[in-house]
Amino acid sequence: MIILFAIGIAAISCGGGGSDSGGCSYNGKTLHVGEKGGCYYVSSSGNKEYVDKKYCRTCY
């Protein structure tokens, strides 16, 4: 249960707030971690652009 809580906090701090936190950015874009663990940012056109998961390691 504690592990699930910690994972939830990490997902919120990385993907939800709209702020660039720590190492959760790629070329100036805020990174998000999807439900299945994919690492992406939202492009200026609104599309999800996926990047290598190694860029989201600090978001977990």
C-alpha atoms as a PDB file:
ATOM      1  CA  MET A   1       0.000   0.000   0.000  1.00  0.00           C
ATOM      2  CA  ILE A   2       2.818   2.406   0.801  1.00  0.00           C
ATOM      3  CA  ILE A   3       4.462   1.614  -2.534  1.00  0.00           C
ATOM      4  CA  LEU A   4       1.264   2.458  -4.427  1.00  0.00           C
ATOM      5  CA  PHE A   5       0.997   5.739  -2.532  1.00  0.00           C
ATOM      6  CA  ALA A   6       4.620   6.629  -3.394  1.00  0.00           C
ATOM      7  CA  ILE A   7       4.073   5.801  -7.068  1.00  0.00           C
ATOM      8  CA  GLY A   8       0.957   7.990  -7.114  1.00  0.00           C
ATOM      9  CA  ILE A   9       2.834  10.932  -5.612  1.00  0.00           C
ATOM     10  CA  ALA A  10       5.669  10.552  -8.140  1.00  0.00           C
ATOM     11  CA  ALA A  11       3.235  10.459 -11.073  1.00  0.00           C
ATOM     12  CA  ILE A  12       1.438  13.573  -9.879  1.00  0.00           C
ATOM     13  CA  SER A  13       4.628  15.533  -9.265  1.00  0.00           C
ATOM     14  CA  CYS A  14       6.014  14.646 -12.693  1.00  0.00           C
ATOM     15  CA  GLY A  15       3.069  14.818 -14.991  1.00  0.00           C
ATOM     16  CA  GLY A  16       0.285  16.850 -13.552  1.00  0.00           C
ATOM     17  CA  GLY A  17       1.231  20.270 -12.307  1.00  0.00           C
ATOM     18  CA  GLY A  18       2.512  21.956 -15.428  1.00  0.00           C
ATOM     19  CA  SER A  19       5.741  22.982 -13.744  1.00  0.00           C
ATOM     20  CA  ASP A  20       9.179  21.764 -14.735  1.00  0.00           C
ATOM     21  CA  SER A  21      10.214  19.680 -11.754  1.00  0.00           C
ATOM     22  CA  GLY A  22      13.746  18.404 -11.361  1.00  0.00           C
ATOM     23  CA  GLY A  23      14.845  16.182 -14.218  1.00  0.00           C
ATOM     24  CA  CYS A  24      11.362  15.688 -15.614  1.00  0.00           C
ATOM     25  CA  SER A  25      11.888  17.675 -18.783  1.00  0.00           C
ATOM     26  CA  TYR A  26      13.140  17.062 -22.292  1.00  0.00           C
ATOM     27  CA  ASN A  27      14.270  19.953 -24.497  1.00  0.00           C
ATOM     28  CA  GLY A  28      12.349  22.367 -22.281  1.00  0.00           C
ATOM     29  CA  LYS A  29       9.117  20.354 -22.397  1.00  0.00           C
ATOM     30  CA  THR A  30       7.542  18.879 -19.271  1.00  0.00           C
ATOM     31  CA  LEU A  31       7.624  15.083 -19.349  1.00  0.00           C
ATOM     32  CA  HIS A  32       4.678  12.915 -18.415  1.00  0.00           C
ATOM     33  CA  VAL A  33       4.529   9.222 -17.523  1.00  0.00           C
ATOM     34  CA  GLY A  34       1.542   7.421 -19.014  1.00  0.00           C
ATOM     35  CA  GLU A  35      -0.548   4.714 -17.391  1.00  0.00           C
ATOM     36  CA  LYS A  36       1.520   1.986 -19.064  1.00  0.00           C
ATOM     37  CA  GLY A  37       4.853   3.644 -18.249  1.00  0.00           C
ATOM     38  CA  GLY A  38       5.464   5.475 -21.521  1.00  0.00           C
ATOM     39  CA  CYS A  39       7.436   8.714 -21.331  1.00  0.00           C
ATOM     40  CA  TYR A  40       6.150  11.615 -23.405  1.00  0.00           C
ATOM     41  CA  TYR A  41       5.653  15.358 -23.702  1.00  0.00           C
ATOM     42  CA  VAL A  42       2.821  17.242 -25.352  1.00  0.00           C
ATOM     43  CA  SER A  43       3.888  19.013 -28.550  1.00  0.00           C
ATOM     44  CA  SER A  44       2.771  22.505 -29.507  1.00  0.00           C
ATOM     45  CA  SER A  45       0.147  20.898 -31.765  1.00  0.00           C
ATOM     46  CA  GLY A  46      -1.254  18.913 -28.809  1.00  0.00           C
ATOM     47  CA  ASN A  47       0.121  15.508 -29.810  1.00  0.00           C
ATOM     48  CA  LYS A  48       1.920  13.158 -27.443  1.00  0.00           C
ATOM     49  CA  GLU A  49       5.549  12.844 -28.520  1.00  0.00           C
ATOM     50  CA  TYR A  50       7.152   9.787 -26.942  1.00  0.00           C
ATOM     51  CA  VAL A  51      10.798   9.791 -25.849  1.00  0.00           C
ATOM     52  CA  ASP A  52      13.056   7.102 -24.423  1.00  0.00           C
ATOM     53  CA  LYS A  53      12.002   6.019 -20.925  1.00  0.00           C
ATOM     54  CA  LYS A  54      15.456   6.872 -19.589  1.00  0.00           C
ATOM     55  CA  TYR A  55      14.431  10.539 -19.592  1.00  0.00           C
ATOM     56  CA  CYS A  56      11.638   9.797 -17.111  1.00  0.00           C
ATOM     57  CA  ARG A  57      13.721   7.852 -14.612  1.00  0.00           C
ATOM     58  CA  THR A  58      13.723  10.768 -12.179  1.00  0.00           C
ATOM     59  CA  CYS A  59       9.936  11.099 -12.467  1.00  0.00           C
ATOM     60  CA  TYR A  60       9.133   7.784 -10.795  1.00  0.00           C
END
